[in-house]
């Protein structure tokens, strides 16, 4: 089996970066205006606060998971100019 050349690896990396940027653009388009912005604000109000639930480790883990989803959405909304 032949190894991929440096050029082939570079082309695959560029294609992957373009794909990631395209998806990030879709996240930004979805959540940056109108109903999407309202929904993201609601999700942040519901799940963006403290994830600690005293005496209930299961709820603490559930809240931490919800926060992880919010962080993922925010990360995917970033554009190269935001970095």
N, C-alpha and C. Protein backbone atom coordinates (compact mmCIF):
# COMPACT_ATOMS: atom_id res chain seq x y z
N UNK A 1 0.84 -1.18 0.00
CA UNK A 1 0.00 0.00 0.00
C UNK A 1 0.89 1.24 0.00
N UNK A 2 0.67 2.14 -0.93
CA UNK A 2 1.48 3.34 -1.07
C UNK A 2 1.11 4.37 -0.01
N UNK A 3 2.11 5.03 0.46
CA UNK A 3 1.87 6.11 1.41
C UNK A 3 1.40 7.35 0.68
N UNK A 4 0.57 8.11 1.37
CA UNK A 4 0.09 9.36 0.78
C UNK A 4 1.23 10.37 0.72
N UNK A 5 1.29 11.07 -0.36
CA UNK A 5 2.33 12.08 -0.51
C UNK A 5 2.01 13.28 0.38
N UNK A 6 2.99 14.11 0.56
CA UNK A 6 2.79 15.32 1.36
C UNK A 6 1.70 16.19 0.73
N UNK A 7 1.69 16.25 -0.59
CA UNK A 7 0.69 17.05 -1.28
C UNK A 7 -0.72 16.49 -1.04
N UNK A 8 -0.84 15.17 -1.08
CA UNK A 8 -2.15 14.55 -0.84
C UNK A 8 -2.63 14.82 0.59
N UNK A 9 -1.72 14.71 1.53
CA UNK A 9 -2.08 14.99 2.93
C UNK A 9 -2.50 16.45 3.08
N UNK A 10 -1.77 17.33 2.43
CA UNK A 10 -2.09 18.76 2.49
C UNK A 10 -3.48 19.01 1.89
N UNK A 11 -3.76 18.39 0.75
CA UNK A 11 -5.07 18.55 0.11
C UNK A 11 -6.19 18.03 1.01
N UNK A 12 -5.98 16.89 1.66
CA UNK A 12 -7.00 16.35 2.58
C UNK A 12 -7.23 17.29 3.75
N UNK A 13 -6.14 17.86 4.26
CA UNK A 13 -6.27 18.80 5.38
C UNK A 13 -7.05 20.04 4.97
N UNK A 14 -6.75 20.57 3.79
CA UNK A 14 -7.47 21.74 3.30
C UNK A 14 -8.95 21.42 3.12
N UNK A 15 -9.25 20.26 2.57
CA UNK A 15 -10.65 19.85 2.38
C UNK A 15 -11.37 19.72 3.72
N UNK A 16 -10.70 19.14 4.70
CA UNK A 16 -11.29 19.02 6.04
C UNK A 16 -11.54 20.40 6.64
N UNK A 17 -10.59 21.30 6.53
CA UNK A 17 -10.76 22.64 7.07
C UNK A 17 -11.92 23.36 6.39
N UNK A 18 -12.05 23.21 5.09
CA UNK A 18 -13.18 23.82 4.38
C UNK A 18 -14.50 23.24 4.86
N UNK A 19 -14.53 21.95 5.08
CA UNK A 19 -15.74 21.29 5.56
C UNK A 19 -16.13 21.81 6.95
N UNK A 20 -15.15 21.92 7.83
CA UNK A 20 -15.40 22.42 9.18
C UNK A 20 -15.90 23.86 9.13
N UNK A 21 -15.26 24.68 8.30
CA UNK A 21 -15.70 26.08 8.18
C UNK A 21 -17.11 26.18 7.63
N UNK A 22 -17.46 25.30 6.69
CA UNK A 22 -18.81 25.31 6.12
C UNK A 22 -19.85 24.97 7.19
N UNK A 23 -19.55 23.99 8.02
CA UNK A 23 -20.48 23.62 9.09
C UNK A 23 -20.55 24.73 10.13
N UNK A 24 -19.41 25.32 10.48
CA UNK A 24 -19.40 26.44 11.43
C UNK A 24 -20.27 27.58 10.92
N UNK A 25 -20.18 27.85 9.62
CA UNK A 25 -21.00 28.90 9.03
C UNK A 25 -22.49 28.57 9.18
N UNK A 26 -22.85 27.32 9.03
CA UNK A 26 -24.26 26.91 9.19
C UNK A 26 -24.71 27.10 10.63
N UNK A 27 -23.86 26.77 11.60
CA UNK A 27 -24.21 27.01 13.00
C UNK A 27 -24.42 28.50 13.24
N UNK A 28 -23.49 29.32 12.74
CA UNK A 28 -23.60 30.77 12.93
C UNK A 28 -24.85 31.31 12.27
N UNK A 29 -25.16 30.84 11.07
CA UNK A 29 -26.36 31.30 10.37
C UNK A 29 -27.63 30.92 11.13
N UNK A 30 -27.62 29.71 11.68
CA UNK A 30 -28.80 29.22 12.38
C UNK A 30 -29.06 29.96 13.69
N UNK A 31 -28.00 30.21 14.46
CA UNK A 31 -28.18 30.74 15.81
C UNK A 31 -27.89 32.23 15.94
N UNK A 32 -27.57 32.93 14.87
CA UNK A 32 -27.17 34.34 14.99
C UNK A 32 -28.28 35.33 14.72
N UNK A 33 -29.44 34.90 14.42
CA UNK A 33 -30.50 35.87 14.17
C UNK A 33 -31.87 35.25 14.29
N UNK A 34 -32.84 36.10 14.48
CA UNK A 34 -34.24 35.68 14.49
C UNK A 34 -34.54 34.61 15.53
N UNK A 35 -35.28 33.59 15.09
CA UNK A 35 -35.71 32.52 15.99
C UNK A 35 -34.53 31.76 16.57
N UNK A 36 -33.49 31.54 15.77
CA UNK A 36 -32.32 30.81 16.24
C UNK A 36 -31.64 31.50 17.41
N UNK A 37 -31.55 32.82 17.33
CA UNK A 37 -30.95 33.59 18.42
C UNK A 37 -31.81 33.50 19.68
N UNK A 38 -33.13 33.55 19.50
CA UNK A 38 -34.05 33.41 20.64
C UNK A 38 -33.93 32.02 21.28
N UNK A 39 -33.83 31.01 20.45
CA UNK A 39 -33.71 29.64 20.96
C UNK A 39 -32.39 29.47 21.70
N UNK A 40 -31.28 29.97 21.14
CA UNK A 40 -30.00 29.86 21.82
C UNK A 40 -30.02 30.61 23.15
N UNK A 41 -30.64 31.78 23.18
CA UNK A 41 -30.77 32.52 24.44
C UNK A 41 -31.56 31.73 25.47
N UNK A 42 -32.64 31.08 25.03
CA UNK A 42 -33.43 30.25 25.93
C UNK A 42 -32.62 29.06 26.45
N UNK A 43 -31.88 28.40 25.57
CA UNK A 43 -31.04 27.28 26.00
C UNK A 43 -29.98 27.73 26.99
N UNK A 44 -29.39 28.90 26.74
CA UNK A 44 -28.39 29.42 27.68
C UNK A 44 -29.01 29.77 29.03
N UNK A 45 -30.23 30.30 29.01
CA UNK A 45 -30.91 30.62 30.27
C UNK A 45 -31.23 29.34 31.05
N UNK A 46 -31.62 28.29 30.34
CA UNK A 46 -31.99 27.03 30.98
C UNK A 46 -30.78 26.23 31.45
N UNK A 47 -29.72 26.21 30.64
CA UNK A 47 -28.62 25.28 30.90
C UNK A 47 -27.25 25.92 31.04
N UNK A 48 -27.18 27.26 30.97
CA UNK A 48 -25.89 27.92 30.99
C UNK A 48 -25.37 28.29 32.37
N UNK A 49 -26.16 28.12 33.40
CA UNK A 49 -25.73 28.48 34.75
C UNK A 49 -24.87 27.41 35.38
N UNK A 50 -24.81 27.45 36.67
CA UNK A 50 -24.01 26.48 37.41
C UNK A 50 -24.52 25.07 37.17
N UNK A 51 -23.60 24.15 37.00
CA UNK A 51 -24.01 22.77 36.78
C UNK A 51 -24.05 21.99 38.09
N UNK A 52 -23.66 22.60 39.19
CA UNK A 52 -23.63 21.90 40.47
C UNK A 52 -25.03 21.83 41.07
N UNK A 53 -25.45 20.63 41.40
CA UNK A 53 -26.71 20.40 42.11
C UNK A 53 -26.34 19.68 43.40
N UNK A 54 -26.32 20.45 44.50
CA UNK A 54 -25.91 19.90 45.79
C UNK A 54 -26.69 18.63 46.13
N UNK A 55 -25.98 17.59 46.50
CA UNK A 55 -26.60 16.36 46.95
C UNK A 55 -27.15 15.47 45.83
N UNK A 56 -26.97 15.87 44.59
CA UNK A 56 -27.51 15.08 43.47
C UNK A 56 -26.47 14.98 42.36
N UNK A 57 -25.57 14.00 42.48
CA UNK A 57 -24.51 13.88 41.47
C UNK A 57 -25.05 13.57 40.07
N UNK A 58 -26.19 12.91 39.99
CA UNK A 58 -26.75 12.58 38.68
C UNK A 58 -27.23 13.84 37.95
N UNK A 59 -27.88 14.73 38.70
CA UNK A 59 -28.33 15.99 38.10
C UNK A 59 -27.13 16.88 37.76
N UNK A 60 -26.10 16.83 38.60
CA UNK A 60 -24.89 17.59 38.31
C UNK A 60 -24.29 17.13 36.97
N UNK A 61 -24.23 15.82 36.76
CA UNK A 61 -23.70 15.29 35.50
C UNK A 61 -24.61 15.65 34.33
N UNK A 62 -25.90 15.60 34.53
CA UNK A 62 -26.84 15.96 33.46
C UNK A 62 -26.67 17.43 33.07
N UNK A 63 -26.56 18.30 34.08
CA UNK A 63 -26.37 19.73 33.79
C UNK A 63 -25.03 19.99 33.12
N UNK A 64 -24.00 19.26 33.54
CA UNK A 64 -22.68 19.41 32.91
C UNK A 64 -22.76 19.00 31.43
N UNK A 65 -23.52 17.97 31.14
CA UNK A 65 -23.70 17.55 29.75
C UNK A 65 -24.42 18.60 28.93
N UNK A 66 -25.44 19.21 29.52
CA UNK A 66 -26.17 20.27 28.81
C UNK A 66 -25.25 21.46 28.54
N UNK A 67 -24.42 21.81 29.52
CA UNK A 67 -23.47 22.90 29.32
C UNK A 67 -22.48 22.57 28.22
N UNK A 68 -22.08 21.32 28.15
CA UNK A 68 -21.14 20.89 27.11
C UNK A 68 -21.74 21.10 25.72
N UNK A 69 -23.03 20.85 25.58
CA UNK A 69 -23.71 21.07 24.30
C UNK A 69 -23.71 22.56 23.96
N UNK A 70 -23.99 23.41 24.92
CA UNK A 70 -23.96 24.85 24.68
C UNK A 70 -22.57 25.33 24.27
N UNK A 71 -21.56 24.83 24.95
CA UNK A 71 -20.19 25.20 24.60
C UNK A 71 -19.85 24.73 23.19
N UNK A 72 -20.32 23.55 22.82
CA UNK A 72 -20.08 23.03 21.48
C UNK A 72 -20.73 23.94 20.43
N UNK A 73 -21.98 24.34 20.68
CA UNK A 73 -22.67 25.22 19.73
C UNK A 73 -21.92 26.53 19.60
N UNK A 74 -21.52 27.13 20.72
CA UNK A 74 -20.78 28.41 20.67
C UNK A 74 -19.47 28.25 19.90
N UNK A 75 -18.78 27.14 20.14
CA UNK A 75 -17.53 26.90 19.44
C UNK A 75 -17.74 26.76 17.95
N UNK A 76 -18.78 26.06 17.54
CA UNK A 76 -19.04 25.86 16.12
C UNK A 76 -19.50 27.14 15.45
N UNK A 77 -20.03 28.08 16.22
CA UNK A 77 -20.47 29.36 15.65
C UNK A 77 -19.31 30.30 15.36
N UNK A 78 -18.15 30.02 15.94
CA UNK A 78 -16.99 30.90 15.75
C UNK A 78 -16.50 30.84 14.32
N UNK A 79 -16.02 31.98 13.86
CA UNK A 79 -15.42 32.07 12.54
C UNK A 79 -13.94 32.35 12.72
N UNK A 80 -13.13 32.17 11.67
CA UNK A 80 -11.70 32.44 11.83
C UNK A 80 -11.40 33.87 12.30
N UNK A 81 -12.26 34.81 12.00
CA UNK A 81 -12.03 36.19 12.44
C UNK A 81 -12.32 36.38 13.92
N UNK A 82 -13.06 35.42 14.54
CA UNK A 82 -13.36 35.50 15.97
C UNK A 82 -12.18 35.04 16.82
N UNK A 83 -11.31 34.23 16.24
CA UNK A 83 -10.21 33.62 17.00
C UNK A 83 -9.14 34.62 17.38
